[in-house]
Amino acid sequence: MRSFVLGLVATLALLAVPTPALAHASVESSDPADGATLSALPQTVSVTLNEEIGSGAVLRVIDSSGTRLDDGEVTVAGRRVLVGVRTADAEPGAYRLVYRVVSADGHAVSGQVGFTVSAGASASEPSASAGNSQDDVTITEVEDEPTQKWAPLWVLGFLVISSALIVYIVKAGLTSADGEDEA
């Protein structure tokens, strides 16, 4: 019985320890900062996460009417995601940085950062591709890749098999201990 209790305590202790593989990326900072008020829209915006992220990141700049102002390719530099901004189209008002990245554990992480451009905003020079029209967009939740959907099941399966193995070992130990007592 004592071995069973020790095995159970050991299993619970292992399950209670958080592992980095189960954690998701989170935003450490952004430029502009969440809730900031600016006098002008910056030419580049960025989001910095707490861990390195994979390629395929999305970073959009959206004004209060829903128009996208991001310009060019999204760049991933370690933990930082950057994109240019079409500042010529900037008007005073509320803006959002909407991001979606894939964290180190393969899970998609998304969110948004809000900031305001004050009435004294002045437009900067247009970027090289400012003539390209960008359609109004609605950001919708993007479905995870198939491998990401199965990740929680792999973890659950590992825990079930590990627990069953520990119970088997403990019972085998109790059975052999009972056999030694009878001899």
N, C-alpha and C. Protein backbone atom coordinates (compact mmCIF):
# COMPACT_ATOMS: atom_id res chain seq x y z
N MET A 1 0.83 -1.19 0.00
CA MET A 1 0.00 0.00 0.00
C MET A 1 0.87 1.25 0.00
N ARG A 2 1.96 1.16 0.72
CA ARG A 2 2.86 2.30 0.81
C ARG A 2 3.44 2.65 -0.57
N SER A 3 3.79 1.63 -1.36
CA SER A 3 4.32 1.85 -2.70
C SER A 3 3.27 2.50 -3.60
N PHE A 4 2.03 2.09 -3.45
CA PHE A 4 0.95 2.67 -4.25
C PHE A 4 0.81 4.16 -3.95
N VAL A 5 0.81 4.52 -2.68
CA VAL A 5 0.68 5.92 -2.29
C VAL A 5 1.86 6.73 -2.83
N LEU A 6 3.08 6.19 -2.71
CA LEU A 6 4.25 6.89 -3.23
C LEU A 6 4.17 7.06 -4.75
N GLY A 7 3.71 6.02 -5.44
CA GLY A 7 3.54 6.11 -6.90
C GLY A 7 2.51 7.16 -7.28
N LEU A 8 1.42 7.20 -6.55
CA LEU A 8 0.37 8.18 -6.81
C LEU A 8 0.87 9.60 -6.57
N VAL A 9 1.58 9.81 -5.48
CA VAL A 9 2.14 11.13 -5.18
C VAL A 9 3.13 11.55 -6.26
N ALA A 10 3.98 10.62 -6.71
CA ALA A 10 4.96 10.93 -7.76
C ALA A 10 4.25 11.30 -9.06
N THR A 11 3.21 10.57 -9.42
CA THR A 11 2.45 10.87 -10.64
C THR A 11 1.81 12.25 -10.56
N LEU A 12 1.17 12.55 -9.46
CA LEU A 12 0.54 13.86 -9.29
C LEU A 12 1.57 14.98 -9.32
N ALA A 13 2.74 14.75 -8.75
CA ALA A 13 3.79 15.77 -8.77
C ALA A 13 4.26 16.03 -10.19
N LEU A 14 4.41 14.97 -10.99
CA LEU A 14 4.82 15.15 -12.37
C LEU A 14 3.77 15.90 -13.18
N LEU A 15 2.51 15.61 -12.94
CA LEU A 15 1.44 16.26 -13.67
C LEU A 15 1.28 17.73 -13.27
N ALA A 16 1.67 18.07 -12.05
CA ALA A 16 1.50 19.43 -11.55
C ALA A 16 2.59 20.37 -12.04
N VAL A 17 3.71 19.83 -12.50
CA VAL A 17 4.82 20.67 -12.95
C VAL A 17 4.53 21.19 -14.34
N PRO A 18 4.47 22.52 -14.50
CA PRO A 18 4.24 23.06 -15.84
C PRO A 18 5.47 22.87 -16.70
N THR A 19 5.27 22.60 -17.97
CA THR A 19 6.39 22.43 -18.87
C THR A 19 6.36 23.50 -19.94
N PRO A 20 7.52 23.96 -20.39
CA PRO A 20 7.55 24.98 -21.43
C PRO A 20 6.86 24.52 -22.71
N ALA A 21 6.87 23.24 -23.00
CA ALA A 21 6.26 22.74 -24.23
C ALA A 21 4.75 22.95 -24.24
N LEU A 22 4.14 23.08 -23.08
CA LEU A 22 2.70 23.27 -23.02
C LEU A 22 2.31 24.74 -22.96
N ALA A 23 3.30 25.63 -22.83
CA ALA A 23 3.01 27.06 -22.78
C ALA A 23 2.91 27.62 -24.19
N HIS A 24 2.14 28.67 -24.34
CA HIS A 24 2.00 29.33 -25.64
C HIS A 24 2.74 30.65 -25.61
N ALA A 25 3.07 31.14 -26.79
CA ALA A 25 3.71 32.44 -26.90
C ALA A 25 2.74 33.52 -26.43
N SER A 26 3.30 34.57 -25.85
CA SER A 26 2.48 35.71 -25.45
C SER A 26 3.24 36.99 -25.78
N VAL A 27 2.52 38.07 -25.93
CA VAL A 27 3.11 39.35 -26.31
C VAL A 27 3.82 39.95 -25.10
N GLU A 28 5.09 40.30 -25.30
CA GLU A 28 5.86 41.02 -24.27
C GLU A 28 5.72 42.52 -24.46
N SER A 29 5.76 42.96 -25.72
CA SER A 29 5.65 44.40 -26.00
C SER A 29 5.21 44.59 -27.44
N SER A 30 4.84 45.82 -27.74
CA SER A 30 4.47 46.17 -29.10
C SER A 30 4.91 47.60 -29.36
N ASP A 31 5.08 47.93 -30.62
CA ASP A 31 5.42 49.29 -31.02
C ASP A 31 4.50 49.68 -32.15
N PRO A 32 3.50 50.50 -31.88
CA PRO A 32 3.24 51.25 -30.66
C PRO A 32 2.68 50.36 -29.54
N ALA A 33 2.82 50.85 -28.32
CA ALA A 33 2.35 50.11 -27.15
C ALA A 33 0.83 50.08 -27.11
N ASP A 34 0.29 49.05 -26.47
CA ASP A 34 -1.16 48.93 -26.32
C ASP A 34 -1.69 50.13 -25.55
N GLY A 35 -2.69 50.81 -26.10
CA GLY A 35 -3.30 51.96 -25.45
C GLY A 35 -2.58 53.28 -25.70
N ALA A 36 -1.49 53.27 -26.48
CA ALA A 36 -0.72 54.49 -26.73
C ALA A 36 -1.50 55.49 -27.57
N THR A 37 -1.19 56.78 -27.39
CA THR A 37 -1.72 57.84 -28.25
C THR A 37 -0.54 58.47 -28.96
N LEU A 38 -0.58 58.46 -30.29
CA LEU A 38 0.52 58.96 -31.11
C LEU A 38 0.09 60.22 -31.85
N SER A 39 1.07 61.04 -32.22
CA SER A 39 0.76 62.22 -33.02
C SER A 39 0.75 61.88 -34.50
N ALA A 40 1.38 60.75 -34.87
CA ALA A 40 1.40 60.32 -36.28
C ALA A 40 1.51 58.80 -36.32
N LEU A 41 1.04 58.24 -37.38
CA LEU A 41 1.13 56.80 -37.58
C LEU A 41 2.58 56.45 -37.94
N PRO A 42 3.20 55.49 -37.25
CA PRO A 42 4.59 55.14 -37.57
C PRO A 42 4.70 54.42 -38.91
N GLN A 43 5.89 54.46 -39.51
CA GLN A 43 6.10 53.80 -40.80
C GLN A 43 6.23 52.30 -40.66
N THR A 44 6.58 51.83 -39.45
CA THR A 44 6.71 50.39 -39.18
C THR A 44 6.10 50.11 -37.82
N VAL A 45 5.40 49.00 -37.70
CA VAL A 45 4.86 48.55 -36.42
C VAL A 45 5.40 47.16 -36.13
N SER A 46 5.39 46.80 -34.83
CA SER A 46 5.91 45.48 -34.48
C SER A 46 5.26 44.94 -33.22
N VAL A 47 5.34 43.63 -33.08
CA VAL A 47 4.90 42.93 -31.88
C VAL A 47 6.05 42.01 -31.49
N THR A 48 6.45 42.04 -30.22
CA THR A 48 7.52 41.19 -29.72
C THR A 48 6.92 40.18 -28.75
N LEU A 49 7.23 38.89 -28.97
CA LEU A 49 6.67 37.82 -28.15
C LEU A 49 7.71 37.29 -27.17
N ASN A 50 7.30 36.44 -26.26
CA ASN A 50 8.20 35.93 -25.23
C ASN A 50 9.01 34.72 -25.68
N GLU A 51 8.81 34.26 -26.90
CA GLU A 51 9.58 33.14 -27.43
C GLU A 51 9.69 33.28 -28.93
N GLU A 52 10.66 32.58 -29.50
CA GLU A 52 10.82 32.63 -30.95
C GLU A 52 9.60 32.01 -31.61
N ILE A 53 9.29 32.52 -32.76
CA ILE A 53 8.11 32.04 -33.48
C ILE A 53 8.50 31.58 -34.87
N GLY A 54 7.64 30.80 -35.48
CA GLY A 54 7.90 30.28 -36.80
C GLY A 54 7.51 31.25 -37.90
N SER A 55 7.77 30.84 -39.11
CA SER A 55 7.40 31.68 -40.26
C SER A 55 5.89 31.62 -40.45
N GLY A 56 5.39 32.43 -41.33
CA GLY A 56 3.95 32.44 -41.60
C GLY A 56 3.18 33.34 -40.66
N ALA A 57 3.87 34.26 -39.98
CA ALA A 57 3.20 35.17 -39.07
C ALA A 57 2.38 36.19 -39.86
N VAL A 58 1.32 36.68 -39.24
CA VAL A 58 0.45 37.70 -39.83
C VAL A 58 0.44 38.89 -38.89
N LEU A 59 0.61 40.09 -39.45
CA LEU A 59 0.49 41.32 -38.67
C LEU A 59 -0.20 42.35 -39.55
N ARG A 60 -1.35 42.80 -39.12
CA ARG A 60 -2.16 43.74 -39.88
C ARG A 60 -2.33 45.04 -39.09
N VAL A 61 -2.40 46.15 -39.81
CA VAL A 61 -2.71 47.45 -39.21
C VAL A 61 -4.08 47.83 -39.77
N ILE A 62 -5.05 48.03 -38.88
CA ILE A 62 -6.42 48.27 -39.31
C ILE A 62 -6.93 49.54 -38.64
N ASP A 63 -7.52 50.43 -39.45
CA ASP A 63 -8.06 51.67 -38.88
C ASP A 63 -9.48 51.44 -38.37
N SER A 64 -10.09 52.50 -37.84
CA SER A 64 -11.42 52.36 -37.22
C SER A 64 -12.52 52.01 -38.21
N SER A 65 -12.30 52.25 -39.51
CA SER A 65 -13.31 51.88 -40.50
C SER A 65 -13.10 50.45 -41.03
N GLY A 66 -12.03 49.79 -40.57
CA GLY A 66 -11.77 48.42 -41.00
C GLY A 66 -10.82 48.32 -42.19
N THR A 67 -10.25 49.44 -42.63
CA THR A 67 -9.34 49.44 -43.76
C THR A 67 -7.94 49.03 -43.31
N ARG A 68 -7.34 48.15 -44.07
CA ARG A 68 -5.96 47.71 -43.78
C ARG A 68 -4.97 48.77 -44.27
N LEU A 69 -4.02 49.07 -43.40
CA LEU A 69 -2.96 50.01 -43.75
C LEU A 69 -1.58 49.35 -43.71
N ASP A 70 -1.51 48.05 -43.46
CA ASP A 70 -0.21 47.39 -43.49
C ASP A 70 0.28 47.36 -44.93
N ASP A 71 1.60 47.41 -45.08
CA ASP A 71 2.19 47.56 -46.40
C ASP A 71 3.43 46.68 -46.51
N GLY A 72 3.43 45.76 -47.44
CA GLY A 72 4.60 44.93 -47.66
C GLY A 72 4.52 43.60 -46.93
N GLU A 73 5.63 42.90 -47.00
CA GLU A 73 5.73 41.57 -46.38
C GLU A 73 5.92 41.68 -44.87
N VAL A 74 5.34 40.75 -44.14
CA VAL A 74 5.56 40.65 -42.71
C VAL A 74 6.92 40.02 -42.52
N THR A 75 7.73 40.60 -41.63
CA THR A 75 9.07 40.10 -41.35
C THR A 75 9.10 39.50 -39.95
N VAL A 76 9.68 38.31 -39.82
CA VAL A 76 9.87 37.68 -38.52
C VAL A 76 11.36 37.70 -38.22
N ALA A 77 11.72 38.31 -37.11
CA ALA A 77 13.12 38.39 -36.69
C ALA A 77 13.21 37.86 -35.27
N GLY A 78 13.39 36.55 -35.14
CA GLY A 78 13.46 35.93 -33.81
C GLY A 78 12.13 35.95 -33.12
N ARG A 79 11.99 36.83 -32.12
CA ARG A 79 10.75 36.95 -31.35
C ARG A 79 9.91 38.14 -31.81
N ARG A 80 10.37 38.85 -32.82
CA ARG A 80 9.72 40.09 -33.24
C ARG A 80 9.09 39.94 -34.62
N VAL A 81 7.86 40.46 -34.77
CA VAL A 81 7.14 40.45 -36.04
C VAL A 81 6.95 41.92 -36.44
N LEU A 82 7.36 42.26 -37.68
CA LEU A 82 7.29 43.65 -38.14
C LEU A 82 6.58 43.74 -39.48
N VAL A 83 5.96 44.89 -39.72
CA VAL A 83 5.37 45.17 -41.03
C VAL A 83 5.36 46.68 -41.25
N GLY A 84 5.49 47.08 -42.51
CA GLY A 84 5.43 48.49 -42.87
C GLY A 84 3.99 48.98 -42.85
N VAL A 85 3.83 50.33 -42.85
CA VAL A 85 2.50 50.94 -42.77
C VAL A 85 2.37 51.98 -43.87
N ARG A 86 1.21 52.02 -44.53
CA ARG A 86 0.90 53.06 -45.51
C ARG A 86 0.46 54.30 -44.73
N THR A 87 1.42 55.14 -44.39
CA THR A 87 1.12 56.30 -43.55
C THR A 87 0.42 57.42 -44.30
N ALA A 88 0.50 57.44 -45.64
CA ALA A 88 -0.15 58.50 -46.41
C ALA A 88 -1.67 58.47 -46.22
N ASP A 89 -2.23 57.31 -45.94
CA ASP A 89 -3.67 57.16 -45.77
C ASP A 89 -4.12 57.34 -44.32
N ALA A 90 -3.19 57.72 -43.45
CA ALA A 90 -3.50 57.80 -42.02
C ALA A 90 -4.40 58.99 -41.70
N GLU A 91 -5.37 58.73 -40.87
CA GLU A 91 -6.25 59.77 -40.36
C GLU A 91 -6.32 59.61 -38.85
N PRO A 92 -6.67 60.66 -38.14
CA PRO A 92 -6.81 60.54 -36.69
C PRO A 92 -7.87 59.49 -36.35
N GLY A 93 -7.64 58.78 -35.29
CA GLY A 93 -8.63 57.80 -34.85
C GLY A 93 -7.99 56.59 -34.22
N ALA A 94 -8.80 55.56 -34.03
CA ALA A 94 -8.35 54.32 -33.39
C ALA A 94 -7.77 53.36 -34.42
N TYR A 95 -6.73 52.67 -34.03
CA TYR A 95 -6.07 51.68 -34.88
C TYR A 95 -5.85 50.40 -34.08
N ARG A 96 -5.73 49.31 -34.82
CA ARG A 96 -5.45 48.01 -34.19
C ARG A 96 -4.32 47.33 -34.93
N LEU A 97 -3.42 46.71 -34.17
CA LEU A 97 -2.46 45.76 -34.73
C LEU A 97 -3.05 44.39 -34.46
N VAL A 98 -3.38 43.66 -35.49
CA VAL A 98 -3.95 42.33 -35.33
C VAL A 98 -2.88 41.33 -35.75
N TYR A 99 -2.55 40.41 -34.86
CA TYR A 99 -1.47 39.47 -35.14
C TYR A 99 -1.93 38.03 -35.01
N ARG A 100 -1.20 37.16 -35.70
CA ARG A 100 -1.38 35.71 -35.58
C ARG A 100 -0.02 35.09 -35.85
N VAL A 101 0.48 34.33 -34.89
CA VAL A 101 1.78 33.68 -35.02
C VAL A 101 1.65 32.22 -34.61
N VAL A 102 2.65 31.43 -34.95
CA VAL A 102 2.70 30.05 -34.51
C VAL A 102 3.81 29.96 -33.46
N SER A 103 3.44 29.56 -32.24
CA SER A 103 4.41 29.49 -31.15
C SER A 103 5.29 28.27 -31.29
N ALA A 104 6.31 28.17 -30.45
CA ALA A 104 7.28 27.09 -30.51
C ALA A 104 6.64 25.71 -30.38
N ASP A 105 5.52 25.62 -29.65
CA ASP A 105 4.86 24.32 -29.48
C ASP A 105 3.91 23.99 -30.62
N GLY A 106 3.86 24.86 -31.63
CA GLY A 106 3.04 24.59 -32.81
C GLY A 106 1.62 25.12 -32.75
N HIS A 107 1.26 25.78 -31.68
CA HIS A 107 -0.09 26.33 -31.57
C HIS A 107 -0.15 27.74 -32.14
N ALA A 108 -1.26 28.05 -32.78
CA ALA A 108 -1.49 29.39 -33.29
C ALA A 108 -1.91 30.30 -32.13
N VAL A 109 -1.30 31.47 -32.08
CA VAL A 109 -1.60 32.46 -31.06
C VAL A 109 -2.00 33.74 -31.78
N SER A 110 -3.13 34.31 -31.40
CA SER A 110 -3.58 35.53 -32.07
C SER A 110 -4.11 36.52 -31.05
N GLY A 111 -4.17 37.77 -31.46
CA GLY A 111 -4.67 38.81 -30.59
C GLY A 111 -4.57 40.15 -31.28
N GLN A 112 -4.76 41.20 -30.51
CA GLN A 112 -4.68 42.53 -31.08
C GLN A 112 -4.18 43.53 -30.05
N VAL A 113 -3.62 44.62 -30.55
CA VAL A 113 -3.11 45.72 -29.74
C VAL A 113 -3.76 46.98 -30.28
N GLY A 114 -4.36 47.77 -29.41
CA GLY A 114 -5.02 49.00 -29.85
C GLY A 114 -4.21 50.24 -29.52
N PHE A 115 -4.27 51.23 -30.39
CA PHE A 115 -3.64 52.51 -30.14
C PHE A 115 -4.42 53.59 -30.88
N THR A 116 -4.11 54.84 -30.60
CA THR A 116 -4.84 55.97 -31.18
C THR A 116 -3.86 56.94 -31.83
N VAL A 117 -4.27 57.50 -32.96
CA VAL A 117 -3.54 58.60 -33.59
C VAL A 117 -4.37 59.84 -33.32
N SER A 118 -3.75 60.84 -32.70
CA SER A 118 -4.48 62.04 -32.28
C SER A 118 -4.82 62.94 -33.48
N ALA A 119 -5.64 63.93 -33.23
CA ALA A 119 -6.12 64.82 -34.28
C ALA A 119 -4.99 65.61 -34.93
N GLY A 120 -3.85 65.73 -34.27
CA GLY A 120 -2.72 66.45 -34.83
C GLY A 120 -1.87 65.58 -35.73
N ALA A 121 -2.40 64.45 -36.17
CA ALA A 121 -1.61 63.51 -36.98
C ALA A 121 -1.29 64.10 -38.33
N SER A 122 -0.06 63.88 -38.73
CA SER A 122 0.34 64.32 -40.07
C SER A 122 0.79 63.09 -40.84
N ALA A 123 0.45 63.07 -42.11
CA ALA A 123 0.80 61.92 -42.94
C ALA A 123 2.25 62.01 -43.35
N SER A 124 2.94 60.89 -43.35
CA SER A 124 4.32 60.81 -43.81
C SER A 124 4.31 60.60 -45.31
N GLU A 125 5.49 60.50 -45.90
CA GLU A 125 5.57 60.23 -47.33
C GLU A 125 4.99 58.87 -47.63
N PRO A 126 4.31 58.73 -48.76
CA PRO A 126 3.75 57.42 -49.10
C PRO A 126 4.85 56.42 -49.37
N SER A 127 4.57 55.18 -49.08
CA SER A 127 5.55 54.13 -49.34
C SER A 127 5.50 53.76 -50.82
N ALA A 128 6.46 52.94 -51.24
CA ALA A 128 6.59 52.60 -52.65
C ALA A 128 5.34 51.92 -53.19
N SER A 129 4.65 51.15 -52.37
CA SER A 129 3.49 50.41 -52.87
C SER A 129 2.18 51.03 -52.40
N ALA A 130 2.22 52.31 -52.03
CA ALA A 130 1.00 52.95 -51.53
C ALA A 130 -0.08 53.03 -52.60
N GLY A 131 0.32 52.94 -53.87
CA GLY A 131 -0.67 52.99 -54.93
C GLY A 131 -1.48 51.72 -55.03
N ASN A 132 -0.98 50.63 -54.46
CA ASN A 132 -1.73 49.37 -54.50
C ASN A 132 -2.94 49.49 -53.60
N SER A 133 -4.08 49.08 -54.11
CA SER A 133 -5.28 49.17 -53.29
C SER A 133 -5.36 47.98 -52.36
N GLN A 134 -5.78 48.23 -51.14
CA GLN A 134 -5.99 47.16 -50.17
C GLN A 134 -7.47 47.17 -49.85
N ASP A 135 -8.08 46.01 -49.96
CA ASP A 135 -9.50 45.92 -49.68
C ASP A 135 -9.75 45.98 -48.18
N ASP A 136 -10.93 46.45 -47.82
CA ASP A 136 -11.33 46.37 -46.42
C ASP A 136 -11.41 44.90 -46.05
N VAL A 137 -11.02 44.60 -44.83
CA VAL A 137 -11.02 43.21 -44.41
C VAL A 137 -11.69 43.07 -43.07
N THR A 138 -12.16 41.91 -42.82
CA THR A 138 -12.64 41.54 -41.51
C THR A 138 -11.74 40.41 -41.03
N ILE A 139 -11.14 40.59 -39.88
CA ILE A 139 -10.26 39.55 -39.35
C ILE A 139 -11.13 38.46 -38.73
N THR A 140 -10.94 37.27 -39.19
CA THR A 140 -11.67 36.14 -38.64
C THR A 140 -10.69 35.16 -38.03
N GLU A 141 -11.17 34.32 -37.18
CA GLU A 141 -10.32 33.30 -36.57
C GLU A 141 -9.86 32.35 -37.65
N VAL A 142 -8.57 32.10 -37.69
CA VAL A 142 -8.01 31.21 -38.69
C VAL A 142 -7.89 29.83 -38.08
N GLU A 143 -8.32 28.83 -38.82
CA GLU A 143 -8.29 27.46 -38.31
C GLU A 143 -6.86 26.98 -38.17
N ASP A 144 -6.57 26.28 -37.08
CA ASP A 144 -5.24 25.72 -36.85
C ASP A 144 -4.92 24.68 -37.90
N GLU A 145 -3.62 24.47 -38.10
CA GLU A 145 -3.20 23.40 -39.00
C GLU A 145 -3.59 22.06 -38.38
N PRO A 146 -3.78 21.02 -39.20
CA PRO A 146 -4.21 19.73 -38.66
C PRO A 146 -3.31 19.19 -37.57
N THR A 147 -2.00 19.36 -37.68
CA THR A 147 -1.10 18.85 -36.65
C THR A 147 -1.31 19.55 -35.33
N GLN A 148 -1.73 20.81 -35.36
CA GLN A 148 -1.96 21.55 -34.14
C GLN A 148 -3.22 21.08 -33.43
N LYS A 149 -4.20 20.61 -34.16
CA LYS A 149 -5.43 20.13 -33.55
C LYS A 149 -5.19 18.89 -32.71
N TRP A 150 -4.23 18.07 -33.13
CA TRP A 150 -3.99 16.80 -32.45
C TRP A 150 -3.01 16.91 -31.29
N ALA A 151 -2.32 18.02 -31.13
CA ALA A 151 -1.32 18.16 -30.07
C ALA A 151 -1.89 17.87 -28.68
N PRO A 152 -3.06 18.43 -28.29
CA PRO A 152 -3.58 18.12 -26.95
C PRO A 152 -3.90 16.63 -26.78
N LEU A 153 -4.30 15.95 -27.85
CA LEU A 153 -4.58 14.52 -27.73
C LEU A 153 -3.31 13.72 -27.51
N TRP A 154 -2.20 14.14 -28.13
CA TRP A 154 -0.92 13.46 -27.90
C TRP A 154 -0.52 13.59 -26.44
N VAL A 155 -0.69 14.79 -25.87
CA VAL A 155 -0.33 15.01 -24.47
C VAL A 155 -1.23 14.17 -23.57
N LEU A 156 -2.53 14.17 -23.85
CA LEU A 156 -3.46 13.37 -23.06
C LEU A 156 -3.13 11.89 -23.16
N GLY A 157 -2.84 11.41 -24.36
CA GLY A 157 -2.47 10.01 -24.54
C GLY A 157 -1.22 9.65 -23.77
N PHE A 158 -0.22 10.53 -23.80
CA PHE A 158 1.01 10.30 -23.05
C PHE A 158 0.71 10.20 -21.56
N LEU A 159 -0.13 11.08 -21.04
CA LEU A 159 -0.46 11.06 -19.61
C LEU A 159 -1.22 9.79 -19.23
N VAL A 160 -2.15 9.37 -20.07
CA VAL A 160 -2.92 8.15 -19.77
C VAL A 160 -2.00 6.93 -19.78
N ILE A 161 -1.16 6.82 -20.80
CA ILE A 161 -0.25 5.67 -20.88
C ILE A 161 0.75 5.68 -19.73
N SER A 162 1.28 6.85 -19.39
CA SER A 162 2.22 6.96 -18.27
C SER A 162 1.57 6.56 -16.95
N SER A 163 0.35 7.04 -16.75
CA SER A 163 -0.36 6.69 -15.52
C SER A 163 -0.64 5.20 -15.44
N ALA A 164 -1.07 4.61 -16.56
CA ALA A 164 -1.33 3.17 -16.58
C ALA A 164 -0.06 2.39 -16.30
N LEU A 165 1.05 2.83 -16.85
CA LEU A 165 2.33 2.16 -16.62
C LEU A 165 2.73 2.24 -15.15
N ILE A 166 2.54 3.39 -14.54
CA ILE A 166 2.88 3.54 -13.12
C ILE A 166 1.99 2.65 -12.26
N VAL A 167 0.70 2.60 -12.57
CA VAL A 167 -0.22 1.73 -11.81
C VAL A 167 0.21 0.27 -11.97
N TYR A 168 0.57 -0.15 -13.18
CA TYR A 168 1.01 -1.52 -13.43
C TYR A 168 2.26 -1.84 -12.61
N ILE A 169 3.22 -0.92 -12.63
CA ILE A 169 4.47 -1.14 -11.88
C ILE A 169 4.19 -1.23 -10.39
N VAL A 170 3.34 -0.35 -9.89
CA VAL A 170 3.01 -0.35 -8.46
C VAL A 170 2.30 -1.64 -8.09
N LYS A 171 1.32 -2.07 -8.90
CA LYS A 171 0.60 -3.32 -8.61
C LYS A 171 1.54 -4.52 -8.69
N ALA A 172 2.43 -4.52 -9.65
CA ALA A 172 3.39 -5.62 -9.76
C ALA A 172 4.28 -5.66 -8.54
N GLY A 173 4.67 -4.48 -8.05
CA GLY A 173 5.49 -4.42 -6.84
C GLY A 173 4.72 -4.91 -5.64
N LEU A 174 3.43 -4.57 -5.54
CA LEU A 174 2.61 -5.04 -4.42
C LEU A 174 2.41 -6.54 -4.49
N THR A 175 2.20 -7.08 -5.69
CA THR A 175 2.00 -8.52 -5.86
C THR A 175 3.26 -9.27 -5.46
N SER A 176 4.42 -8.80 -5.88
CA SER A 176 5.66 -9.49 -5.52
C SER A 176 5.94 -9.34 -4.03
N ALA A 177 5.55 -8.22 -3.43
CA ALA A 177 5.72 -8.04 -1.99
C ALA A 177 4.81 -8.99 -1.23
N ASP A 178 3.58 -9.21 -1.73
CA ASP A 178 2.65 -10.16 -1.10
C ASP A 178 3.21 -11.57 -1.20
N GLY A 179 3.82 -11.90 -2.34
CA GLY A 179 4.40 -13.23 -2.54
C GLY A 179 5.56 -13.48 -1.60
N GLU A 180 6.33 -12.43 -1.32
CA GLU A 180 7.46 -12.58 -0.41
C GLU A 180 6.98 -12.74 1.02
N ASP A 181 5.84 -12.10 1.37
CA ASP A 181 5.30 -12.22 2.72
C ASP A 181 4.80 -13.64 3.00
N GLU A 182 4.24 -14.30 1.95
CA GLU A 182 3.70 -15.64 2.12
C GLU A 182 4.80 -16.67 2.24
N ALA A 183 5.96 -16.40 1.68
CA ALA A 183 7.05 -17.40 1.67
C ALA A 183 7.74 -17.55 2.98
